[in-house]
Amino acid sequence: MKRRLEDLAVFGGSPAFAEALHVGRPNIADRERLLARINEVLDRRWLTNNGPLVQEFEARVAEREGVRHCIAMCNGTVGLEIAIRAAGLSGEVIVPSLTFVATAHALEWQQITPVFCDVDPKTYTLDPRQVEARITPKTTGIIGVHLWGRPCDVEALARVAAEHRLRLLYDAAHVFDTTCLGRAIGGYGDAAVFSFHATKFFNTFEGGAVVTNDDELARTMRLMKNFGFAGYDNVIHVGTNGKMSELSAATGLTGLETLQEVVTVNRENFHAYQDALAGIPGITLLDYDERERCNFQYVVLDVDPRAASITRDDLVTVFWAENVLARRYFYPGCHRMEPYRTRFPDAGRHLPATERLVERTLTLPTGTALDTAGVRRVTDLMAFAVRHGRAITERLRVTPPPA
């Protein structure tokens, strides 16, 4: 979006800022340590295929998550696909629509039907009561999504899964290095899948991992991520190529060494946003339960258009015009994306909370690329946009979009 709202610009119509503020801008690990590890990898000439750094990385992650097994993957999506298949899921699996589309695609890719379930409007995660109502004789599992660094109702979902003899997996892409009920998040469910994509607060450039306490499930996933090989030339299981490279593991190990520094910056940014946004009408900042270990990875707002006098989408337009690349996570909801909107045209009738939330949530920049001045720039812009909401809305309605 290149068009600027010159007559409404907070900074007097000045030129666009030289540096955009992004949601998900990568946090970079210590460069010298990373390059030293990469040089070691190059000297060994062992670039992939379960190298020593991958093995070390798996051990470190398993220890941090308090689980017996960590299986490093080339990315979180492949990790989710392998976990789904290794767990024996088929038929129908219950998932939220308020998630990144990879959650649904990982099922659809394997000809498993994602059954979209509504979320609790307060937590934005799967509503266990709604999950139970969506169970059919074809249901084989539940995939809960720990959203924006905030966990699902793990106890209630575990009860539902146990009562109906269903597998329970978690898409834990947003919650690495967090706890729930005083316990590391990776220990819940049959398995949890992390994403270490570049946009996550902890990244391996591109990567992911599945963690579990199920020995047999771990054994199967290790086979599946390497074409089903058990030994040099002995294939005993169907598989694919889901391996993490040594370069990604080098990035991950280096990132683990400074992980707490990143979390500290995220926490400081979050509290700065919290202070600056307090009192702005119609803008509610989703809170973290700081009694738990939190990664503060996302700064998420709920925008009430009546109280704020501006819609979430018009706020996005203002932010992008000022080079603040806020995001509408997770708009428009998986059920409104293909192939799901064609296959399930009436899905929205069962998802009233999701339908409401996808029109109101807004994610703001954070991370080590943002300092307190950057937070102030974002919050000043927010205050201005809300204060002049009606004028901005009128301007946007009469100004044609750029060609």
Protein backbone atom coordinates (compact mmCIF):
# COMPACT_ATOMS: atom_id res chain seq x y z
CA MET A 1 0.00 0.00 0.00
CA LYS A 2 1.94 2.99 -1.29
CA ARG A 3 -0.71 5.71 -1.15
CA ARG A 4 -0.13 8.11 1.76
CA LEU A 5 -2.80 10.06 3.58
CA GLU A 6 -0.88 13.34 3.33
CA ASP A 7 -3.62 15.49 4.81
CA LEU A 8 -4.05 13.11 7.75
CA ALA A 9 -0.41 12.19 8.38
CA VAL A 10 0.59 12.35 12.01
CA PHE A 11 3.96 13.81 11.15
CA GLY A 12 2.70 16.67 9.05
CA GLY A 13 2.84 14.98 5.68
CA SER A 14 6.58 14.38 5.92
CA PRO A 15 8.15 11.81 3.56
CA ALA A 16 7.72 8.14 4.38
CA PHE A 17 10.06 6.88 7.06
CA ALA A 18 13.28 5.38 5.71
CA GLU A 19 12.78 2.20 7.69
CA ALA A 20 9.48 0.39 7.91
CA LEU A 21 8.35 -1.18 11.16
CA HIS A 22 7.33 -4.78 10.44
CA VAL A 23 5.36 -7.41 12.30
CA GLY A 24 7.62 -10.45 12.39
CA ARG A 25 10.86 -8.77 11.44
CA PRO A 26 13.57 -11.37 12.20
CA ASN A 27 15.56 -11.33 15.41
CA ILE A 28 19.19 -11.96 14.48
CA ALA A 29 21.38 -14.19 16.65
CA ASP A 30 24.91 -13.19 17.71
CA ARG A 31 26.67 -12.91 14.36
CA GLU A 32 30.16 -13.91 15.45
CA ARG A 33 28.98 -17.02 17.28
CA LEU A 34 26.75 -17.99 14.38
CA LEU A 35 29.47 -17.58 11.78
CA ALA A 36 31.88 -19.58 13.95
CA ARG A 37 29.39 -22.46 14.07
CA ILE A 38 28.78 -22.23 10.32
CA ASN A 39 32.51 -22.38 9.67
CA GLU A 40 32.68 -25.53 11.80
CA VAL A 41 29.87 -27.04 9.72
CA LEU A 42 31.70 -26.22 6.50
CA ASP A 43 34.94 -27.65 7.85
CA ARG A 44 33.18 -30.91 8.79
CA ARG A 45 31.40 -31.05 5.40
CA TRP A 46 28.42 -32.55 7.19
CA LEU A 47 25.62 -30.25 6.07
CA THR A 48 22.49 -32.29 6.76
CA ASN A 49 21.28 -35.86 7.54
CA ASN A 50 21.16 -35.69 11.34
CA GLY A 51 24.46 -33.92 11.89
CA PRO A 52 25.96 -33.18 15.31
CA LEU A 53 24.43 -29.71 15.56
CA VAL A 54 20.94 -31.03 14.82
CA GLN A 55 21.41 -33.66 17.51
CA GLU A 56 22.59 -31.05 19.99
CA PHE A 57 19.73 -28.74 19.06
CA GLU A 58 17.17 -31.51 19.60
CA ALA A 59 18.63 -32.30 23.02
CA ARG A 60 18.58 -28.63 24.05
CA VAL A 61 14.98 -28.11 22.94
CA ALA A 62 13.78 -31.34 24.60
CA GLU A 63 15.42 -30.26 27.85
CA ARG A 64 13.93 -26.78 27.65
CA GLU A 65 10.44 -28.17 26.98
CA GLY A 66 10.71 -30.89 29.61
CA VAL A 67 9.97 -33.75 27.20
CA ARG A 68 11.70 -36.98 26.25
CA HIS A 69 11.85 -36.36 22.52
CA CYS A 70 12.41 -33.48 20.11
CA ILE A 71 12.41 -34.20 16.39
CA ALA A 72 13.84 -31.23 14.48
CA MET A 73 12.18 -30.52 11.12
CA CYS A 74 12.83 -28.43 8.03
CA ASN A 75 9.81 -26.28 8.96
CA GLY A 76 6.78 -26.30 11.21
CA THR A 77 4.29 -27.17 8.48
CA VAL A 78 6.11 -30.37 7.53
CA GLY A 79 6.42 -31.12 11.24
CA LEU A 80 2.65 -30.81 11.59
CA GLU A 81 2.03 -33.01 8.54
CA ILE A 82 4.36 -35.71 9.86
CA ALA A 83 2.85 -35.56 13.36
CA ILE A 84 -0.65 -35.88 11.91
CA ARG A 85 0.28 -38.92 9.86
CA ALA A 86 2.38 -40.56 12.57
CA ALA A 87 -0.51 -40.17 15.03
CA GLY A 88 -2.77 -42.07 12.63
CA LEU A 89 -5.28 -39.28 12.06
CA SER A 90 -7.86 -39.77 9.32
CA GLY A 91 -11.45 -38.87 8.49
CA GLU A 92 -12.19 -35.64 10.36
CA VAL A 93 -10.05 -33.60 12.72
CA ILE A 94 -11.33 -30.61 14.70
CA VAL A 95 -9.33 -27.39 14.35
CA PRO A 96 -9.93 -23.67 14.84
CA SER A 97 -10.43 -21.44 11.82
CA LEU A 98 -8.68 -18.61 13.67
CA THR A 99 -5.17 -19.75 12.80
CA PHE A 100 -2.60 -19.61 10.03
CA VAL A 101 -3.86 -21.59 7.06
CA ALA A 102 -1.02 -24.13 7.38
CA THR A 103 -2.92 -25.75 10.27
CA ALA A 104 -5.82 -26.64 7.98
CA HIS A 105 -3.64 -27.32 4.94
CA ALA A 106 -1.59 -29.90 6.87
CA LEU A 107 -4.80 -31.94 7.16
CA GLU A 108 -6.22 -31.25 3.71
CA TRP A 109 -2.87 -32.17 2.13
CA GLN A 110 -3.39 -35.67 3.51
CA GLN A 111 -7.07 -35.88 2.53
CA ILE A 112 -8.23 -35.41 6.10
CA THR A 113 -11.21 -33.09 6.54
CA PRO A 114 -10.58 -30.10 8.82
CA VAL A 115 -13.72 -29.47 10.85
CA PHE A 116 -13.65 -25.82 11.83
CA CYS A 117 -14.61 -25.12 15.41
CA ASP A 118 -15.29 -21.82 17.12
CA VAL A 119 -13.03 -20.22 19.71
CA ASP A 120 -13.65 -18.78 23.13
CA PRO A 121 -14.14 -15.03 22.54
CA LYS A 122 -12.01 -14.21 25.60
CA THR A 123 -9.02 -16.49 24.95
CA TYR A 124 -9.24 -16.71 21.12
CA THR A 125 -8.38 -20.42 21.37
CA LEU A 126 -10.53 -23.52 20.85
CA ASP A 127 -13.69 -23.57 22.95
CA PRO A 128 -13.75 -27.08 24.47
CA ARG A 129 -17.57 -27.10 24.63
CA GLN A 130 -17.78 -26.31 20.94
CA VAL A 131 -15.18 -29.00 20.23
CA GLU A 132 -17.35 -31.61 21.91
CA ALA A 133 -20.36 -30.49 19.88
CA ARG A 134 -18.44 -30.95 16.60
CA ILE A 135 -17.38 -34.55 17.26
CA THR A 136 -18.85 -37.15 14.88
CA PRO A 137 -18.19 -40.87 14.32
CA LYS A 138 -15.58 -39.79 11.73
CA THR A 139 -13.58 -37.67 14.19
CA THR A 140 -10.13 -39.04 14.99
CA GLY A 141 -8.40 -36.08 16.58
CA ILE A 142 -8.25 -32.50 17.79
CA ILE A 143 -5.58 -29.96 16.89
CA GLY A 144 -5.53 -27.08 19.32
CA VAL A 145 -3.68 -23.90 18.41
CA HIS A 146 -1.88 -21.97 21.13
CA LEU A 147 -2.44 -18.53 19.66
CA TRP A 148 -0.20 -15.46 19.89
CA GLY A 149 1.82 -16.87 22.79
CA ARG A 150 -1.29 -17.75 24.80
CA PRO A 151 -2.17 -21.40 25.54
CA CYS A 152 -5.36 -23.32 24.90
CA ASP A 153 -7.48 -24.66 27.75
CA VAL A 154 -5.25 -27.73 27.90
CA GLU A 155 -7.04 -29.44 30.77
CA ALA A 156 -10.51 -29.22 29.22
CA LEU A 157 -9.27 -30.32 25.79
CA ALA A 158 -7.46 -33.27 27.38
CA ARG A 159 -10.70 -34.33 29.09
CA VAL A 160 -12.65 -34.15 25.82
CA ALA A 161 -9.96 -36.08 23.95
CA ALA A 162 -9.76 -38.78 26.62
CA GLU A 163 -13.53 -39.19 26.91
CA HIS A 164 -13.92 -39.63 23.16
CA ARG A 165 -10.66 -41.53 22.64
CA LEU A 166 -9.24 -38.94 20.27
CA ARG A 167 -5.67 -37.94 19.53
CA LEU A 168 -4.77 -34.47 20.77
CA LEU A 169 -2.07 -32.52 18.96
CA TYR A 170 -1.08 -28.90 19.41
CA ASP A 171 0.03 -26.38 16.83
CA ALA A 172 2.46 -24.60 19.13
CA ALA A 173 4.02 -22.31 16.52
CA HIS A 174 3.56 -19.23 18.75
CA VAL A 175 4.43 -20.57 22.18
CA PHE A 176 7.99 -21.81 22.22
CA ASP A 177 9.59 -21.28 25.63
CA THR A 178 6.33 -20.64 27.48
CA THR A 179 4.58 -22.42 30.32
CA CYS A 180 0.98 -23.32 31.09
CA LEU A 181 -0.12 -24.16 34.63
CA GLY A 182 3.53 -23.96 35.60
CA ARG A 183 4.62 -26.58 33.09
CA ALA A 184 6.44 -26.17 29.77
CA ILE A 185 3.90 -26.02 26.96
CA GLY A 186 5.53 -28.77 24.89
CA GLY A 187 4.51 -31.44 27.36
CA TYR A 188 0.78 -31.21 26.66
CA GLY A 189 -1.12 -33.45 24.27
CA ASP A 190 0.25 -36.38 22.30
CA ALA A 191 2.67 -33.99 20.58
CA ALA A 192 3.26 -30.29 20.04
CA VAL A 193 4.64 -28.71 16.88
CA PHE A 194 6.84 -25.60 16.98
CA SER A 195 7.69 -23.27 14.13
CA PHE A 196 11.13 -21.67 13.99
CA HIS A 197 10.38 -19.64 10.88
CA ALA A 198 12.22 -16.36 10.41
CA THR A 199 9.16 -14.37 11.57
CA LYS A 200 9.01 -16.11 14.94
CA PHE A 201 10.74 -14.54 17.96
CA PHE A 202 13.08 -17.54 18.00
CA ASN A 203 14.10 -18.69 14.56
CA THR A 204 16.43 -21.10 12.77
CA PHE A 205 16.11 -19.11 9.52
CA GLU A 206 13.57 -21.77 8.48
CA GLY A 207 12.74 -24.73 10.67
CA GLY A 208 10.49 -26.40 13.19
CA ALA A 209 10.28 -29.28 15.64
CA VAL A 210 7.84 -31.78 17.10
CA VAL A 211 8.13 -32.57 20.80
CA THR A 212 6.49 -35.51 22.57
CA ASN A 213 6.71 -37.89 25.50
CA ASP A 214 5.34 -40.75 23.39
CA ASP A 215 8.27 -43.04 22.57
CA GLU A 216 6.53 -44.88 19.72
CA LEU A 217 5.25 -41.67 18.15
CA ALA A 218 8.76 -40.18 18.31
CA ARG A 219 10.27 -43.30 16.71
CA THR A 220 7.76 -43.15 13.86
CA MET A 221 8.32 -39.44 13.24
CA ARG A 222 12.09 -39.92 13.11
CA LEU A 223 11.60 -42.54 10.42
CA MET A 224 9.10 -40.43 8.50
CA LYS A 225 11.25 -37.29 8.39
CA ASN A 226 14.03 -39.26 6.62
CA PHE A 227 12.15 -41.22 3.95
CA GLY A 228 11.53 -44.11 6.36
CA PHE A 229 15.19 -45.10 6.60
CA ALA A 230 16.30 -47.20 9.58
CA GLY A 231 19.98 -47.48 8.87
CA TYR A 232 22.02 -46.90 5.75
CA ASP A 233 19.88 -48.67 3.15
CA ASN A 234 16.98 -50.14 5.12
CA VAL A 235 13.62 -48.44 4.46
CA ILE A 236 10.96 -49.72 6.86
CA HIS A 237 8.30 -46.99 6.77
CA VAL A 238 6.72 -44.52 4.36
CA GLY A 239 8.44 -41.16 4.71
CA THR A 240 9.40 -37.83 3.23
CA ASN A 241 12.22 -35.31 3.56
CA GLY A 242 11.57 -33.28 6.70
CA LYS A 243 15.13 -32.98 7.98
CA MET A 244 16.60 -29.83 9.50
CA SER A 245 19.95 -28.76 8.06
CA GLU A 246 23.09 -28.16 10.09
CA LEU A 247 22.99 -24.47 9.17
CA SER A 248 19.50 -24.12 10.62
CA ALA A 249 20.61 -25.97 13.76
CA ALA A 250 23.62 -23.65 14.05
CA THR A 251 21.24 -20.69 13.93
CA GLY A 252 18.98 -22.29 16.53
CA LEU A 253 21.77 -23.13 18.96
CA THR A 254 23.12 -19.60 18.68
CA GLY A 255 19.64 -18.16 19.19
CA LEU A 256 19.07 -20.25 22.30
CA GLU A 257 22.11 -18.60 23.88
CA THR A 258 20.49 -15.16 23.67
CA LEU A 259 16.84 -16.18 23.85
CA GLN A 260 16.23 -14.48 27.17
CA GLU A 261 17.60 -11.21 25.81
CA VAL A 262 15.00 -11.31 23.02
CA VAL A 263 12.23 -12.10 25.50
CA THR A 264 13.35 -9.17 27.67
CA VAL A 265 13.06 -6.80 24.70
CA ASN A 266 9.64 -8.23 23.82
CA ARG A 267 8.48 -7.78 27.41
CA GLU A 268 9.71 -4.18 27.53
CA ASN A 269 8.00 -3.40 24.21
CA PHE A 270 4.78 -5.01 25.39
CA HIS A 271 4.70 -2.98 28.60
CA ALA A 272 5.53 0.20 26.68
CA TYR A 273 2.57 -0.50 24.40
CA GLN A 274 0.43 -1.30 27.43
CA ASP A 275 1.20 2.06 29.05
CA ALA A 276 0.84 4.12 25.87
CA LEU A 277 -2.39 2.51 24.64
CA ALA A 278 -4.18 2.72 27.99
CA GLY A 279 -7.14 5.03 27.72
CA ILE A 280 -7.41 5.09 23.92
CA PRO A 281 -11.12 4.44 23.27
CA GLY A 282 -11.99 1.15 21.62
CA ILE A 283 -8.44 -0.26 21.72
CA THR A 284 -7.88 -3.30 23.93
CA LEU A 285 -4.46 -4.90 24.23
CA LEU A 286 -4.56 -8.68 24.73
CA ASP A 287 -2.80 -9.43 27.97
CA TYR A 288 -0.38 -12.18 28.99
CA ASP A 289 -0.60 -14.17 32.19
CA GLU A 290 2.71 -13.11 33.68
CA ARG A 291 2.43 -15.68 36.42
CA GLU A 292 3.61 -18.03 33.65
CA ARG A 293 6.75 -17.89 31.53
CA CYS A 294 5.78 -15.84 28.46
CA ASN A 295 7.62 -15.05 25.24
CA PHE A 296 5.68 -11.79 24.58
CA GLN A 297 6.04 -12.60 20.89
CA TYR A 298 2.93 -10.80 19.66
CA VAL A 299 1.32 -7.48 20.44
CA VAL A 300 -2.34 -8.03 19.56
CA LEU A 301 -5.15 -5.51 19.73
CA ASP A 302 -8.91 -5.85 19.65
CA VAL A 303 -10.39 -2.86 17.84
CA ASP A 304 -13.98 -1.98 18.71
CA PRO A 305 -15.06 0.20 15.75
CA ARG A 306 -17.89 1.86 17.64
CA ALA A 307 -15.81 3.02 20.56
CA ALA A 308 -12.74 3.81 18.44
CA SER A 309 -14.71 5.56 15.66
CA ILE A 310 -12.57 3.72 13.13
CA THR A 311 -12.48 0.18 11.84
CA ARG A 312 -9.57 -2.20 12.14
CA ASP A 313 -9.12 -2.17 8.37
CA ASP A 314 -9.00 1.64 8.20
CA LEU A 315 -6.40 1.58 10.97
CA VAL A 316 -4.33 -0.80 8.86
CA THR A 317 -4.57 1.63 5.94
CA VAL A 318 -3.32 4.49 8.11
CA PHE A 319 -0.47 2.42 9.54
CA TRP A 320 0.71 1.21 6.15
CA ALA A 321 0.55 4.74 4.77
CA GLU A 322 3.00 5.69 7.53
CA ASN A 323 5.25 2.67 6.87
CA VAL A 324 4.09 0.80 9.97
CA LEU A 325 3.32 -2.65 8.61
CA ALA A 326 0.75 -3.88 11.11
CA ARG A 327 -1.02 -7.14 10.25
CA ARG A 328 -4.57 -8.50 10.37
CA TYR A 329 -3.76 -11.85 12.02
CA PHE A 330 -5.59 -14.13 11.11
CA TYR A 331 -7.86 -12.56 8.56
CA PRO A 332 -10.16 -13.68 7.00
CA GLY A 333 -10.18 -17.04 8.84
CA CYS A 334 -9.34 -20.38 7.24
CA HIS A 335 -13.01 -21.11 6.54
CA ARG A 336 -13.08 -18.12 4.17
CA MET A 337 -10.04 -19.33 2.23
CA GLU A 338 -9.88 -21.87 -0.57
CA PRO A 339 -10.58 -24.69 -0.84
CA TYR A 340 -12.55 -24.45 2.39
CA ARG A 341 -14.95 -21.63 1.52
CA THR A 342 -16.11 -23.62 -1.52
CA ARG A 343 -16.33 -26.94 0.32
CA PHE A 344 -17.93 -25.49 3.48
CA PRO A 345 -19.87 -22.40 2.37
CA ASP A 346 -21.95 -22.34 5.55
CA ALA A 347 -19.07 -22.80 7.99
CA GLY A 348 -19.39 -19.25 9.28
CA ARG A 349 -22.78 -20.06 10.82
CA HIS A 350 -20.99 -22.28 13.35
CA LEU A 351 -18.23 -19.74 14.03
CA PRO A 352 -19.80 -16.53 15.39
CA ALA A 353 -16.88 -15.66 17.69
CA THR A 354 -14.36 -16.31 14.91
CA GLU A 355 -16.38 -14.24 12.41
CA ARG A 356 -16.36 -11.32 14.84
CA LEU A 357 -12.70 -11.56 15.84
CA VAL A 358 -11.23 -11.75 12.34
CA GLU A 359 -12.70 -8.30 11.70
CA ARG A 360 -11.24 -6.75 14.86
CA THR A 361 -7.76 -8.09 15.62
CA LEU A 362 -4.61 -6.17 14.74
CA THR A 363 -0.99 -7.15 15.40
CA LEU A 364 1.66 -4.48 15.96
CA PRO A 365 5.45 -4.58 15.43
CA THR A 366 7.75 -5.74 18.21
CA GLY A 367 11.06 -7.59 18.59
CA THR A 368 14.69 -6.52 18.70
CA ALA A 369 14.34 -4.33 15.60
CA LEU A 370 12.01 -2.05 17.57
CA ASP A 371 13.05 0.36 20.35
CA THR A 372 11.01 2.56 22.65
CA ALA A 373 11.02 5.36 20.07
CA GLY A 374 9.49 2.94 17.58
CA VAL A 375 6.80 1.94 20.04
CA ARG A 376 6.04 5.60 20.64
CA ARG A 377 5.78 6.20 16.90
CA VAL A 378 3.24 3.38 16.59
CA THR A 379 1.18 4.42 19.60
CA ASP A 380 1.17 8.11 18.65
CA LEU A 381 -0.14 7.07 15.26
CA MET A 382 -2.80 4.92 16.91
CA ALA A 383 -3.93 7.79 19.15
CA PHE A 384 -4.08 10.16 16.18
CA ALA A 385 -6.06 7.69 14.05
CA VAL A 386 -8.64 7.10 16.79
CA ARG A 387 -8.91 10.82 17.56
CA HIS A 388 -9.58 11.58 13.88
CA GLY A 389 -11.37 8.31 13.10
CA ARG A 390 -14.47 9.74 11.48
CA ALA A 391 -12.49 12.13 9.28
CA ILE A 392 -10.14 9.35 8.20
CA THR A 393 -13.04 7.04 7.40
CA GLU A 394 -14.73 9.73 5.32
CA ARG A 395 -11.48 10.47 3.48
CA LEU A 396 -10.90 6.81 2.69
CA ARG A 397 -14.42 6.39 1.35
CA VAL A 398 -14.11 9.23 -1.16
CA THR A 399 -10.50 8.71 -2.23
CA PRO A 400 -10.14 6.16 -5.06
CA PRO A 401 -7.59 3.41 -4.50
CA PRO A 402 -4.26 3.65 -6.29
CA ALA A 403 -4.12 2.29 -9.84
